[in-house]
Amino acid sequence: QVQLVESGGGKVQAGGSLRLSCVASKSIPSIASMGWYRQAPGRQRELVADVSSGGDRNYADSVKGRFTISGDHAKRTVFLQMNSLKPEDTAVYYCRSTTTFLYEYWGQGTQVTVSS
């Protein structure tokens, strides 16, 4: 069973930066994408950014220009560089990977807290 392990969360003041990392425990067959979602208290989980196996990047409007996703599917890694953080970015951030067979894997999440 593939496990996704996130790291890099923490507490930061508004305007600060954090870098999230996600590593898959082993190779993911027929990988289609890797990306990041987040869930704030009382809200639904939402897409932050993802990158396809072809290199196409997709960002939520709320993070465009501030967050950058990068990764190497062959190395089973994906990163999220988060700059100019805002209090509304506070959430648990989850790593997700999908396959061409529409199977998905999720990490356990890492907390990001941005104080004003």
C-alpha atoms as a PDB file:
ATOM      1  CA  GLN A   1       0.000   0.000   0.000  1.00  0.00           C
ATOM      2  CA  VAL A   2       1.336   3.412  -0.962  1.00  0.00           C
ATOM      3  CA  GLN A   3       1.616   5.947   1.825  1.00  0.00           C
ATOM      4  CA  LEU A   4       2.000   9.690   1.313  1.00  0.00           C
ATOM      5  CA  VAL A   5       3.936  11.454   4.044  1.00  0.00           C
ATOM      6  CA  GLU A   6       3.710  15.231   4.393  1.00  0.00           C
ATOM      7  CA  SER A   7       6.067  17.523   6.269  1.00  0.00           C
ATOM      8  CA  GLY A   8       6.857  21.201   6.568  1.00  0.00           C
ATOM      9  CA  GLY A   9       3.754  22.552   8.228  1.00  0.00           C
ATOM     10  CA  GLY A  10       3.924  24.877  11.194  1.00  0.00           C
ATOM     11  CA  LYS A  11       3.065  28.279  12.552  1.00  0.00           C
ATOM     12  CA  VAL A  12       4.031  31.492  10.819  1.00  0.00           C
ATOM     13  CA  GLN A  13       3.041  35.127  10.906  1.00  0.00           C
ATOM     14  CA  ALA A  14       1.118  36.724   8.071  1.00  0.00           C
ATOM     15  CA  GLY A  15       3.436  37.536   5.197  1.00  0.00           C
ATOM     16  CA  GLY A  16       5.733  34.647   6.011  1.00  0.00           C
ATOM     17  CA  SER A  17       6.588  31.532   4.035  1.00  0.00           C
ATOM     18  CA  LEU A  18       6.476  27.779   4.442  1.00  0.00           C
ATOM     19  CA  ARG A  19       7.461  24.899   2.212  1.00  0.00           C
ATOM     20  CA  LEU A  20       5.478  21.673   2.312  1.00  0.00           C
ATOM     21  CA  SER A  21       6.905  18.372   1.152  1.00  0.00           C
ATOM     22  CA  CYS A  22       5.225  15.100   0.286  1.00  0.00           C
ATOM     23  CA  VAL A  23       6.941  11.812  -0.416  1.00  0.00           C
ATOM     24  CA  ALA A  24       5.299   8.577  -1.507  1.00  0.00           C
ATOM     25  CA  SER A  25       6.537   5.455   0.247  1.00  0.00           C
ATOM     26  CA  LYS A  26       6.941   3.643  -3.055  1.00  0.00           C
ATOM     27  CA  SER A  27       6.366   4.062  -6.750  1.00  0.00           C
ATOM     28  CA  ILE A  28       2.789   4.826  -7.769  1.00  0.00           C
ATOM     29  CA  PRO A  29       1.723   2.857 -10.833  1.00  0.00           C
ATOM     30  CA  SER A  30       0.181   4.848 -13.660  1.00  0.00           C
ATOM     31  CA  ILE A  31       0.423   8.079 -11.732  1.00  0.00           C
ATOM     32  CA  ALA A  32      -1.683  10.886 -13.169  1.00  0.00           C
ATOM     33  CA  SER A  33      -1.139  13.749 -10.757  1.00  0.00           C
ATOM     34  CA  MET A  34       0.186  14.835  -7.399  1.00  0.00           C
ATOM     35  CA  GLY A  35      -1.070  17.812  -5.515  1.00  0.00           C
ATOM     36  CA  TRP A  36      -2.195  19.573  -2.387  1.00  0.00           C
ATOM     37  CA  TYR A  37      -5.602  20.110  -0.836  1.00  0.00           C
ATOM     38  CA  ARG A  38      -6.525  21.905   2.349  1.00  0.00           C
ATOM     39  CA  GLN A  39      -9.350  21.868   4.850  1.00  0.00           C
ATOM     40  CA  ALA A  40     -10.067  24.638   7.302  1.00  0.00           C
ATOM     41  CA  PRO A  41     -12.333  24.066  10.334  1.00  0.00           C
ATOM     42  CA  GLY A  42     -15.970  23.943   9.313  1.00  0.00           C
ATOM     43  CA  ARG A  43     -15.156  24.033   5.618  1.00  0.00           C
ATOM     44  CA  GLN A  44     -14.948  21.486   2.837  1.00  0.00           C
ATOM     45  CA  ARG A  45     -11.632  20.191   1.604  1.00  0.00           C
ATOM     46  CA  GLU A  46     -10.505  22.193  -1.412  1.00  0.00           C
ATOM     47  CA  LEU A  47      -7.856  22.001  -4.094  1.00  0.00           C
ATOM     48  CA  VAL A  48      -4.826  24.220  -3.543  1.00  0.00           C
ATOM     49  CA  ALA A  49      -2.647  23.120  -6.451  1.00  0.00           C
ATOM     50  CA  ASP A  50      -1.751  20.069  -8.443  1.00  0.00           C
ATOM     51  CA  VAL A  51       0.603  19.017 -11.185  1.00  0.00           C
ATOM     52  CA  SER A  52      -0.106  16.384 -13.792  1.00  0.00           C
ATOM     53  CA  SER A  53       2.316  13.777 -15.024  1.00  0.00           C
ATOM     54  CA  GLY A  54       2.625  15.934 -18.141  1.00  0.00           C
ATOM     55  CA  GLY A  55       3.728  18.919 -16.079  1.00  0.00           C
ATOM     56  CA  ASP A  56       0.518  20.946 -16.233  1.00  0.00           C
ATOM     57  CA  ARG A  57      -0.017  22.974 -13.068  1.00  0.00           C
ATOM     58  CA  ASN A  58      -3.364  24.001 -11.664  1.00  0.00           C
ATOM     59  CA  TYR A  59      -3.894  26.500  -8.831  1.00  0.00           C
ATOM     60  CA  ALA A  60      -6.822  27.702  -6.813  1.00  0.00           C
ATOM     61  CA  ASP A  61      -7.534  31.354  -7.556  1.00  0.00           C
ATOM     62  CA  SER A  62      -6.934  32.252  -3.917  1.00  0.00           C
ATOM     63  CA  VAL A  63      -3.289  31.140  -4.049  1.00  0.00           C
ATOM     64  CA  LYS A  64      -2.234  32.160  -7.552  1.00  0.00           C
ATOM     65  CA  GLY A  65       0.880  34.307  -7.460  1.00  0.00           C
ATOM     66  CA  ARG A  66       1.693  33.276  -3.891  1.00  0.00           C
ATOM     67  CA  PHE A  67       2.050  29.483  -3.977  1.00  0.00           C
ATOM     68  CA  THR A  68       4.177  27.378  -6.300  1.00  0.00           C
ATOM     69  CA  ILE A  69       3.846  23.642  -6.765  1.00  0.00           C
ATOM     70  CA  SER A  70       6.736  21.537  -7.982  1.00  0.00           C
ATOM     71  CA  GLY A  71       7.556  17.901  -7.993  1.00  0.00           C
ATOM     72  CA  ASP A  72       9.044  14.892  -9.633  1.00  0.00           C
ATOM     73  CA  HIS A  73       6.667  11.999 -10.146  1.00  0.00           C
ATOM     74  CA  ALA A  74       9.562   9.659 -10.860  1.00  0.00           C
ATOM     75  CA  LYS A  75      10.978  10.577  -7.457  1.00  0.00           C
ATOM     76  CA  ARG A  76       7.543  10.335  -5.901  1.00  0.00           C
ATOM     77  CA  THR A  77       7.746  13.847  -4.481  1.00  0.00           C
ATOM     78  CA  VAL A  78       5.703  17.014  -4.596  1.00  0.00           C
ATOM     79  CA  PHE A  79       6.391  20.333  -2.910  1.00  0.00           C
ATOM     80  CA  LEU A  80       4.355  23.432  -2.195  1.00  0.00           C
ATOM     81  CA  GLN A  81       6.182  26.704  -1.678  1.00  0.00           C
ATOM     82  CA  MET A  82       3.847  29.083   0.104  1.00  0.00           C
ATOM     83  CA  ASN A  83       4.763  32.769   0.215  1.00  0.00           C
ATOM     84  CA  SER A  84       2.904  35.835   1.458  1.00  0.00           C
ATOM     85  CA  LEU A  85       0.811  33.665   3.726  1.00  0.00           C
ATOM     86  CA  LYS A  86      -2.481  35.014   5.036  1.00  0.00           C
ATOM     87  CA  PRO A  87      -4.542  34.017   8.070  1.00  0.00           C
ATOM     88  CA  GLU A  88      -7.134  32.556   5.707  1.00  0.00           C
ATOM     89  CA  ASP A  89      -4.519  30.055   4.536  1.00  0.00           C
ATOM     90  CA  THR A  90      -4.755  28.396   7.936  1.00  0.00           C
ATOM     91  CA  ALA A  91      -5.833  24.788   7.408  1.00  0.00           C
ATOM     92  CA  VAL A  92      -4.714  21.200   7.409  1.00  0.00           C
ATOM     93  CA  TYR A  93      -2.903  20.580   4.138  1.00  0.00           C
ATOM     94  CA  TYR A  94      -3.167  17.167   2.517  1.00  0.00           C
ATOM     95  CA  CYS A  95      -1.082  15.589  -0.188  1.00  0.00           C
ATOM     96  CA  ARG A  96      -3.008  13.655  -2.831  1.00  0.00           C
ATOM     97  CA  SER A  97      -1.971  11.485  -5.730  1.00  0.00           C
ATOM     98  CA  THR A  98      -4.186  10.102  -8.468  1.00  0.00           C
ATOM     99  CA  THR A  99      -3.692   7.398 -11.042  1.00  0.00           C
ATOM    100  CA  THR A 100      -4.961   6.885 -14.568  1.00  0.00           C
ATOM    101  CA  PHE A 101      -7.218   4.173 -13.126  1.00  0.00           C
ATOM    102  CA  LEU A 102      -8.974   6.864 -11.057  1.00  0.00           C
ATOM    103  CA  TYR A 103      -7.486   5.559  -7.835  1.00  0.00           C
ATOM    104  CA  GLU A 104      -6.312   8.094  -5.283  1.00  0.00           C
ATOM    105  CA  TYR A 105      -4.002   8.210  -2.305  1.00  0.00           C
ATOM    106  CA  TRP A 106      -4.096  10.719   0.539  1.00  0.00           C
ATOM    107  CA  GLY A 107      -1.625  11.725   3.170  1.00  0.00           C
ATOM    108  CA  GLN A 108      -2.599  12.257   6.792  1.00  0.00           C
ATOM    109  CA  GLY A 109      -2.191  16.018   6.608  1.00  0.00           C
ATOM    110  CA  THR A 110       0.031  18.696   8.064  1.00  0.00           C
ATOM    111  CA  GLN A 111      -1.222  21.738   9.968  1.00  0.00           C
ATOM    112  CA  VAL A 112      -0.466  25.234   8.707  1.00  0.00           C
ATOM    113  CA  THR A 113      -1.348  28.106  11.012  1.00  0.00           C
ATOM    114  CA  VAL A 114      -0.946  31.726   9.960  1.00  0.00           C
ATOM    115  CA  SER A 115      -1.343  34.388  12.618  1.00  0.00           C
ATOM    116  CA  SER A 116      -2.223  38.012  11.939  1.00  0.00           C
END
